[in-house]
Amino acid sequence: MAILAVAASLALAALPVLLWVRSKSNGEEPGHRVNQMTWIAALVMGGGAALTSLEALSATVWTWIDRPSNAWLSSLCLGAMMGLTIYVSIWVALFRLAAAVHRWSFRLPPEQAASWRDKLPVEVYLLLATVGGIAFAVVLGHAATTIGLPVWAVVPLMVAILPLYQTFALPWLTYLRAPRLTSRNIADVEAWLEDLRLERRLPSFHVRIQEGRIANAFATAGLGAHLVVIGGRLLERMSHSQLCAVLAHEVAHVVKRHVPRLVLPLTIVGTWLHVLCVISFVHPLFDRQEPLLVVTGAALAGAFAGLFIVAIPGVFMRRMEFQADRLAVEMLGDGEPLVDALTKLAELNKQPLDARSWSHPTMQARIDAIRALAPNGAPS
């Protein structure tokens, strides 16, 4: 009951802010400061939903499971239940609900223009990977203790399964069959990228479109080729030179191997430290089932996540953005198209050029660094 009381309090605290924002919104993209405030309120409400789902799962699903006496099968069942709990409480109740509430507050349409026929397979992939990955991790931990290894020795590998899946596998499953650039009559951009690849002997790239209002792009690595995903709104609002600059920046991330260099060491270590801190400091507070201690535990869990999963990796990610910009300028032969693209990106997202981010330097800092380079990408 203490957890449900805290969940209700979080929802009631966030609701007035969300209703106020909705009353002032007209269906347009929000300003930076109001957007930040609304995200905080939406995440608070999502946190309340996550606590509610956690309590419900603990009271129903977990009590239905009569774990078998066989130790290996018991570990498998325990891991599967943990995976189901993470999927429902974290992915659905916290993040998905927060995103939906955020857009509802601003009267915005869905961020991705995808039907349920397209969304359902992705959700199934994520659910199966979460359940299967955590089950495998728990069995791995049991195997480690069976052969005499301490559990902490395999914790980094155990907690790395889901971040690795989400970074390297899920984007391919989600976007491999998404529209190509040729479907938007901008085959010349894809032709430019192919010429660049041949000229610089780069690996192969699959470029796919993320339909909807997303004004962003990202890239991830693969075995035989790499994947670049670009938001449909960029294709609608950016010029040819700006699109080429965005693609050059994403290609630079892949060439510099930023994704594996970041995910493998930092995510594994950060998640490992977060898990250990939660086990050591948060679980004892939740076990007491007192509202004040539950709130303190939730705050500590959030603080640990912010430190180990957001703040520390963010330092390295900001450095990588400057590196990718520098290589992109070298590929383009001129920094101004990238400056134009960054300025347009800030405009589309209604963010000031000096807006701060946990993972990126400010647009103004990147623009200043680009303009300090000679045309070939070397410092002037």
Protein backbone atom coordinates (compact mmCIF):
# COMPACT_ATOMS: atom_id res chain seq x y z
CA MET A 1 0.00 0.00 0.00
CA ALA A 2 2.88 2.37 0.66
CA ILE A 3 4.09 2.05 -2.92
CA LEU A 4 0.58 2.71 -4.28
CA ALA A 5 0.30 5.79 -2.06
CA VAL A 6 3.58 7.13 -3.43
CA ALA A 7 2.49 6.36 -7.01
CA ALA A 8 -0.80 8.24 -6.53
CA SER A 9 1.06 11.19 -5.00
CA LEU A 10 3.43 11.38 -7.99
CA ALA A 11 0.53 11.33 -10.45
CA LEU A 12 -1.37 14.03 -8.53
CA ALA A 13 1.74 16.20 -8.35
CA ALA A 14 2.33 16.00 -12.12
CA LEU A 15 -1.29 16.32 -13.30
CA PRO A 16 -1.78 20.09 -12.69
CA VAL A 17 1.37 20.91 -14.66
CA LEU A 18 0.31 18.72 -17.58
CA LEU A 19 -3.23 20.12 -17.63
CA TRP A 20 -1.90 23.69 -17.51
CA VAL A 21 0.43 23.01 -20.45
CA ARG A 22 -2.41 21.45 -22.45
CA SER A 23 -4.65 24.45 -21.78
CA LYS A 24 -1.98 26.75 -23.23
CA SER A 25 -1.01 24.56 -26.21
CA ASN A 26 -2.25 24.89 -29.77
CA GLY A 27 -0.75 21.80 -31.37
CA GLU A 28 2.62 23.37 -32.23
CA GLU A 29 6.09 22.27 -31.14
CA PRO A 30 6.84 23.63 -27.64
CA GLY A 31 9.55 26.04 -26.61
CA HIS A 32 12.67 24.68 -24.95
CA ARG A 33 11.97 25.62 -21.32
CA VAL A 34 8.30 24.60 -21.37
CA ASN A 35 9.29 21.38 -23.11
CA GLN A 36 11.79 20.56 -20.34
CA MET A 37 9.25 21.30 -17.61
CA THR A 38 6.64 19.11 -19.30
CA TRP A 39 9.09 16.25 -19.73
CA ILE A 40 9.84 16.33 -16.00
CA ALA A 41 6.12 16.23 -15.17
CA ALA A 42 5.51 13.44 -17.69
CA LEU A 43 8.36 11.37 -16.26
CA VAL A 44 7.01 11.91 -12.73
CA MET A 45 3.63 10.59 -13.86
CA GLY A 46 5.35 7.72 -15.68
CA GLY A 47 7.24 6.96 -12.47
CA GLY A 48 3.94 6.69 -10.61
CA ALA A 49 2.64 4.29 -13.25
CA ALA A 50 5.86 2.27 -13.04
CA LEU A 51 5.52 1.90 -9.26
CA THR A 52 1.84 0.89 -9.68
CA SER A 53 2.69 -1.77 -12.27
CA LEU A 54 5.55 -3.00 -10.11
CA GLU A 55 3.20 -3.43 -7.16
CA ALA A 56 0.59 -5.14 -9.35
CA LEU A 57 3.11 -7.56 -10.84
CA SER A 58 4.48 -8.35 -7.39
CA ALA A 59 0.99 -9.06 -6.10
CA THR A 60 -0.17 -11.18 -9.05
CA VAL A 61 2.29 -12.61 -11.57
CA TRP A 62 5.13 -13.23 -9.12
CA THR A 63 2.83 -14.99 -6.65
CA TRP A 64 1.48 -17.26 -9.39
CA ILE A 65 4.92 -18.63 -10.13
CA ASP A 66 5.72 -21.68 -8.05
CA ARG A 67 9.36 -21.88 -8.98
CA PRO A 68 10.45 -25.48 -9.54
CA SER A 69 12.88 -27.23 -7.26
CA ASN A 70 15.40 -27.67 -10.09
CA ALA A 71 17.92 -24.86 -9.61
CA TRP A 72 18.52 -24.26 -13.33
CA LEU A 73 14.83 -24.13 -14.19
CA SER A 74 14.22 -21.96 -11.14
CA SER A 75 16.82 -19.47 -12.38
CA LEU A 76 15.21 -19.46 -15.82
CA CYS A 77 11.73 -18.75 -14.40
CA LEU A 78 13.08 -16.06 -12.09
CA GLY A 79 14.90 -14.33 -14.96
CA ALA A 80 11.82 -14.49 -17.21
CA MET A 81 9.69 -12.85 -14.51
CA MET A 82 12.33 -10.18 -13.99
CA GLY A 83 12.38 -9.50 -17.73
CA LEU A 84 8.59 -9.22 -17.87
CA THR A 85 8.67 -6.82 -14.92
CA ILE A 86 11.32 -4.64 -16.58
CA TYR A 87 9.38 -4.53 -19.86
CA VAL A 88 6.05 -3.60 -18.26
CA SER A 89 7.34 -1.27 -15.53
CA ILE A 90 10.22 0.47 -17.31
CA TRP A 91 9.60 0.40 -21.06
CA VAL A 92 5.81 0.62 -21.08
CA ALA A 93 4.71 2.26 -17.80
CA LEU A 94 7.59 4.71 -17.45
CA PHE A 95 9.05 5.64 -20.84
CA ARG A 96 6.19 4.96 -23.26
CA LEU A 97 3.58 6.51 -21.00
CA ALA A 98 5.76 9.55 -20.33
CA ALA A 99 6.27 10.09 -24.07
CA ALA A 100 2.54 9.74 -24.77
CA VAL A 101 1.58 12.11 -21.94
CA HIS A 102 4.18 14.64 -23.11
CA ARG A 103 2.73 14.74 -26.61
CA TRP A 104 -0.85 14.78 -25.26
CA SER A 105 -0.02 17.87 -23.20
CA PHE A 106 1.07 19.76 -26.34
CA ARG A 107 -1.75 18.33 -28.49
CA LEU A 108 0.85 16.88 -30.83
CA PRO A 109 0.23 13.91 -33.16
CA PRO A 110 2.21 10.69 -32.66
CA GLU A 111 5.93 11.15 -33.23
CA GLN A 112 6.12 8.19 -35.58
CA ALA A 113 3.64 7.75 -38.42
CA ALA A 114 3.49 3.97 -38.11
CA SER A 115 0.46 1.70 -37.96
CA TRP A 116 -0.06 -0.96 -35.31
CA ARG A 117 0.84 -3.52 -37.97
CA ASP A 118 4.31 -1.93 -38.07
CA LYS A 119 4.59 -1.26 -34.33
CA LEU A 120 3.46 -4.66 -33.06
CA PRO A 121 6.43 -6.71 -34.37
CA VAL A 122 8.85 -4.23 -32.78
CA GLU A 123 7.06 -4.52 -29.43
CA VAL A 124 7.15 -8.30 -29.68
CA TYR A 125 10.88 -8.21 -30.46
CA LEU A 126 11.49 -5.95 -27.46
CA LEU A 127 9.36 -8.05 -25.11
CA LEU A 128 10.97 -11.35 -26.16
CA ALA A 129 14.46 -9.86 -25.98
CA THR A 130 13.84 -8.39 -22.53
CA VAL A 131 12.36 -11.60 -21.12
CA GLY A 132 14.88 -13.86 -22.86
CA GLY A 133 17.87 -11.63 -22.20
CA ILE A 134 17.23 -11.27 -18.48
CA ALA A 135 16.46 -14.99 -18.17
CA PHE A 136 19.77 -15.79 -19.87
CA ALA A 137 21.56 -13.33 -17.59
CA VAL A 138 20.14 -14.93 -14.43
CA VAL A 139 21.03 -18.42 -15.67
CA LEU A 140 24.52 -17.11 -16.44
CA GLY A 141 24.79 -15.82 -12.89
CA HIS A 142 23.67 -19.19 -11.55
CA ALA A 143 26.27 -20.92 -13.73
CA ALA A 144 28.97 -18.61 -12.40
CA THR A 145 28.14 -19.46 -8.79
CA THR A 146 27.98 -23.18 -9.67
CA ILE A 147 31.58 -23.20 -10.90
CA GLY A 148 32.76 -21.06 -8.01
CA LEU A 149 32.89 -17.62 -9.64
CA PRO A 150 31.47 -14.72 -7.63
CA VAL A 151 28.31 -13.24 -9.15
CA TRP A 152 29.90 -9.78 -9.39
CA ALA A 153 32.39 -11.22 -11.89
CA VAL A 154 29.65 -11.77 -14.50
CA VAL A 155 27.34 -8.87 -13.59
CA PRO A 156 28.79 -6.59 -16.33
CA LEU A 157 28.03 -9.19 -18.99
CA MET A 158 24.59 -9.87 -17.53
CA VAL A 159 23.49 -6.25 -17.46
CA ALA A 160 24.97 -5.53 -20.90
CA ILE A 161 22.60 -7.84 -22.77
CA LEU A 162 19.68 -5.43 -23.14
CA PRO A 163 21.71 -2.27 -23.99
CA LEU A 164 23.61 -4.23 -26.63
CA TYR A 165 20.38 -5.61 -28.08
CA GLN A 166 18.74 -2.20 -28.17
CA THR A 167 21.78 -0.55 -29.74
CA PHE A 168 22.83 -3.11 -32.34
CA ALA A 169 19.85 -5.42 -33.01
CA LEU A 170 16.57 -3.61 -32.40
CA PRO A 171 17.23 -0.69 -34.83
CA TRP A 172 17.88 -3.19 -37.62
CA LEU A 173 14.67 -5.07 -36.83
CA THR A 174 12.74 -1.80 -36.64
CA TYR A 175 14.00 0.06 -39.69
CA LEU A 176 15.44 -2.46 -42.16
CA ARG A 177 12.15 -2.50 -44.10
CA ALA A 178 11.45 1.22 -43.62
CA PRO A 179 11.26 3.52 -46.69
CA ARG A 180 14.45 4.39 -48.54
CA LEU A 181 15.49 7.85 -49.67
CA THR A 182 14.48 6.97 -53.21
CA SER A 183 10.83 6.84 -52.05
CA ARG A 184 11.01 10.61 -51.41
CA ASN A 185 12.45 11.50 -54.83
CA ILE A 186 15.77 12.48 -53.28
CA ALA A 187 17.84 9.70 -54.76
CA ASP A 188 20.56 12.28 -55.42
CA VAL A 189 21.32 12.41 -51.69
CA GLU A 190 21.73 8.63 -51.54
CA ALA A 191 23.86 8.78 -54.70
CA TRP A 192 26.09 11.38 -53.02
CA LEU A 193 26.50 9.10 -50.01
CA GLU A 194 27.43 6.17 -52.29
CA ASP A 195 30.01 8.32 -54.11
CA LEU A 196 31.44 9.37 -50.76
CA ARG A 197 31.61 5.74 -49.64
CA LEU A 198 33.50 4.67 -52.76
CA GLU A 199 35.83 7.68 -52.70
CA ARG A 200 36.83 7.18 -49.07
CA ARG A 201 36.53 3.38 -49.07
CA LEU A 202 33.90 3.43 -46.35
CA PRO A 203 31.77 0.44 -45.36
CA SER A 204 28.28 -0.03 -46.82
CA PHE A 205 25.33 1.89 -45.37
CA HIS A 206 21.61 1.31 -45.41
CA VAL A 207 19.75 4.64 -45.16
CA ARG A 208 16.17 4.41 -43.93
CA ILE A 209 13.45 6.98 -43.18
CA GLN A 210 11.74 7.24 -39.80
CA GLU A 211 8.32 8.49 -40.83
CA GLY A 212 6.61 11.11 -38.68
CA ARG A 213 7.54 14.42 -37.07
CA ILE A 214 10.95 13.39 -35.74
CA ALA A 215 13.63 15.95 -36.59
CA ASN A 216 16.70 13.89 -35.85
CA ALA A 217 18.99 11.19 -37.23
CA PHE A 218 21.14 8.40 -35.84
CA ALA A 219 23.45 5.63 -36.98
CA THR A 220 24.35 2.23 -35.63
CA ALA A 221 26.87 -0.41 -36.56
CA GLY A 222 26.31 -3.79 -38.17
CA LEU A 223 28.27 -6.78 -39.39
CA GLY A 224 28.13 -6.51 -43.19
CA ALA A 225 26.79 -2.94 -43.37
CA HIS A 226 25.77 -0.05 -41.15
CA LEU A 227 22.41 1.59 -40.62
CA VAL A 228 21.60 5.30 -40.83
CA VAL A 229 18.08 6.42 -39.88
CA ILE A 230 16.91 9.93 -40.71
CA GLY A 231 13.68 11.53 -39.49
CA GLY A 232 11.03 12.29 -42.08
CA ARG A 233 10.74 15.90 -40.94
CA LEU A 234 14.37 16.54 -41.86
CA LEU A 235 13.66 15.34 -45.38
CA GLU A 236 10.71 17.71 -45.62
CA ARG A 237 12.41 20.81 -44.26
CA MET A 238 16.13 20.56 -45.07
CA SER A 239 17.94 21.41 -48.27
CA HIS A 240 20.10 18.99 -50.25
CA SER A 241 23.34 20.35 -48.75
CA GLN A 242 21.92 20.24 -45.22
CA LEU A 243 20.81 16.60 -45.62
CA CYS A 244 24.24 15.65 -46.94
CA ALA A 245 25.80 17.34 -43.90
CA VAL A 246 23.54 15.40 -41.51
CA LEU A 247 24.40 12.12 -43.25
CA ALA A 248 28.12 12.97 -43.21
CA HIS A 249 27.92 13.52 -39.45
CA GLU A 250 26.19 10.17 -38.87
CA VAL A 251 28.61 8.36 -41.17
CA ALA A 252 31.47 9.94 -39.21
CA HIS A 253 30.11 8.36 -36.00
CA VAL A 254 30.29 4.94 -37.66
CA VAL A 255 33.75 5.52 -39.16
CA LYS A 256 35.05 6.58 -35.74
CA ARG A 257 33.39 3.51 -34.16
CA HIS A 258 31.72 5.74 -31.61
CA VAL A 259 28.77 3.42 -30.96
CA PRO A 260 30.73 0.33 -29.87
CA ARG A 261 33.35 2.46 -28.13
CA LEU A 262 30.63 4.09 -26.06
CA VAL A 263 28.18 1.23 -25.51
CA LEU A 264 30.57 -1.58 -24.74
CA PRO A 265 32.70 -0.07 -21.95
CA LEU A 266 30.61 2.83 -20.64
CA THR A 267 27.13 1.33 -20.74
CA ILE A 268 28.29 -1.95 -19.27
CA VAL A 269 30.26 -0.31 -16.46
CA GLY A 270 27.62 2.36 -15.84
CA THR A 271 24.76 -0.14 -15.72
CA TRP A 272 26.82 -2.46 -13.52
CA LEU A 273 27.55 0.30 -11.01
CA HIS A 274 23.89 1.37 -11.07
CA VAL A 275 22.69 -2.18 -10.38
CA LEU A 276 25.13 -2.63 -7.52
CA CYS A 277 24.11 0.69 -5.93
CA VAL A 278 20.41 -0.15 -6.27
CA ILE A 279 20.95 -3.55 -4.65
CA SER A 280 23.02 -2.03 -1.84
CA PHE A 281 21.10 1.15 -1.06
CA VAL A 282 17.65 1.15 -2.70
CA HIS A 283 16.29 -2.35 -2.09
CA PRO A 284 16.66 -2.13 1.71
CA LEU A 285 14.58 1.06 1.68
CA PHE A 286 11.83 -0.51 -0.46
CA ASP A 287 11.73 -3.57 1.78
CA ARG A 288 10.62 -1.39 4.71
CA GLN A 289 7.39 -0.48 2.84
CA GLU A 290 7.24 2.97 4.44
CA PRO A 291 6.18 5.87 2.13
CA LEU A 292 9.05 8.18 3.08
CA LEU A 293 11.62 5.40 2.59
CA VAL A 294 10.05 4.38 -0.74
CA VAL A 295 10.28 7.98 -1.98
CA THR A 296 13.89 8.17 -0.77
CA GLY A 297 14.70 4.89 -2.51
CA ALA A 298 13.11 6.03 -5.77
CA ALA A 299 15.05 9.30 -5.59
CA LEU A 300 18.30 7.43 -4.96
CA ALA A 301 17.65 5.06 -7.87
CA GLY A 302 17.06 8.05 -10.14
CA ALA A 303 20.18 9.80 -8.86
CA PHE A 304 22.33 6.70 -9.44
CA ALA A 305 20.89 6.30 -12.94
CA GLY A 306 21.55 9.94 -13.70
CA LEU A 307 25.15 9.65 -12.55
CA PHE A 308 26.19 6.28 -14.02
CA ILE A 309 23.98 5.99 -17.11
CA VAL A 310 23.52 9.63 -18.12
CA ALA A 311 26.14 12.01 -16.70
CA ILE A 312 29.33 9.93 -17.08
CA PRO A 313 28.57 8.60 -20.60
CA GLY A 314 27.39 12.11 -21.53
CA VAL A 315 30.89 13.49 -21.02
CA PHE A 316 32.27 11.08 -23.62
CA MET A 317 29.29 11.51 -25.96
CA ARG A 318 29.82 15.28 -26.13
CA ARG A 319 33.46 14.76 -27.08
CA MET A 320 32.38 12.29 -29.77
CA GLU A 321 30.02 14.88 -31.27
CA PHE A 322 32.92 17.26 -31.83
CA GLN A 323 34.96 14.43 -33.38
CA ALA A 324 32.10 13.48 -35.73
CA ASP A 325 31.61 17.13 -36.75
CA ARG A 326 35.29 17.45 -37.55
CA LEU A 327 35.34 14.34 -39.76
CA ALA A 328 32.07 15.41 -41.43
CA VAL A 329 33.63 18.75 -42.38
CA GLU A 330 36.57 16.88 -43.87
CA MET A 331 34.18 14.70 -45.90
CA LEU A 332 32.14 17.69 -47.07
CA GLY A 333 35.15 19.86 -47.82
CA ASP A 334 33.39 22.82 -46.22
CA GLY A 335 31.97 23.47 -42.75
CA GLU A 336 29.14 25.82 -43.70
CA PRO A 337 26.67 23.10 -44.84
CA LEU A 338 27.01 21.47 -41.42
CA VAL A 339 26.60 24.85 -39.70
CA ASP A 340 23.43 25.40 -41.73
CA ALA A 341 22.18 21.92 -40.84
CA LEU A 342 22.77 22.43 -37.10
CA THR A 343 21.04 25.81 -37.21
CA LYS A 344 18.07 24.29 -39.06
CA LEU A 345 17.94 21.36 -36.63
CA ALA A 346 17.72 23.75 -33.66
CA GLU A 347 14.98 25.67 -35.46
CA LEU A 348 12.94 22.54 -36.20
CA ASN A 349 13.20 21.40 -32.58
CA LYS A 350 12.49 24.93 -31.30
CA GLN A 351 15.67 24.94 -29.25
CA PRO A 352 17.96 27.93 -28.77
CA LEU A 353 21.48 27.44 -30.06
CA ASP A 354 22.81 27.59 -26.50
CA ALA A 355 20.38 24.92 -25.16
CA ARG A 356 22.23 22.35 -23.06
CA SER A 357 21.88 18.59 -23.39
CA TRP A 358 23.21 15.67 -21.35
CA SER A 359 24.52 13.94 -24.48
CA HIS A 360 25.41 16.74 -26.89
CA PRO A 361 27.32 20.02 -26.65
CA THR A 362 25.30 23.12 -27.42
CA MET A 363 24.66 23.85 -31.08
CA GLN A 364 26.52 27.14 -30.67
CA ALA A 365 29.60 25.37 -29.29
CA ARG A 366 29.55 22.95 -32.23
CA ILE A 367 29.13 25.78 -34.73
CA ASP A 368 32.02 27.71 -33.18
CA ALA A 369 34.22 24.59 -33.32
CA ILE A 370 33.31 23.97 -36.97
CA ARG A 371 34.09 27.53 -37.99
CA ALA A 372 37.47 27.24 -36.26
CA LEU A 373 38.40 24.50 -38.73
CA ALA A 374 40.02 24.96 -42.12
CA PRO A 375 38.03 23.60 -45.10
CA ASN A 376 39.84 20.25 -44.91
CA GLY A 377 38.85 19.74 -41.27
CA ALA A 378 42.17 20.72 -39.71
CA PRO A 379 42.38 23.49 -37.13
CA SER A 380 42.86 26.86 -38.77
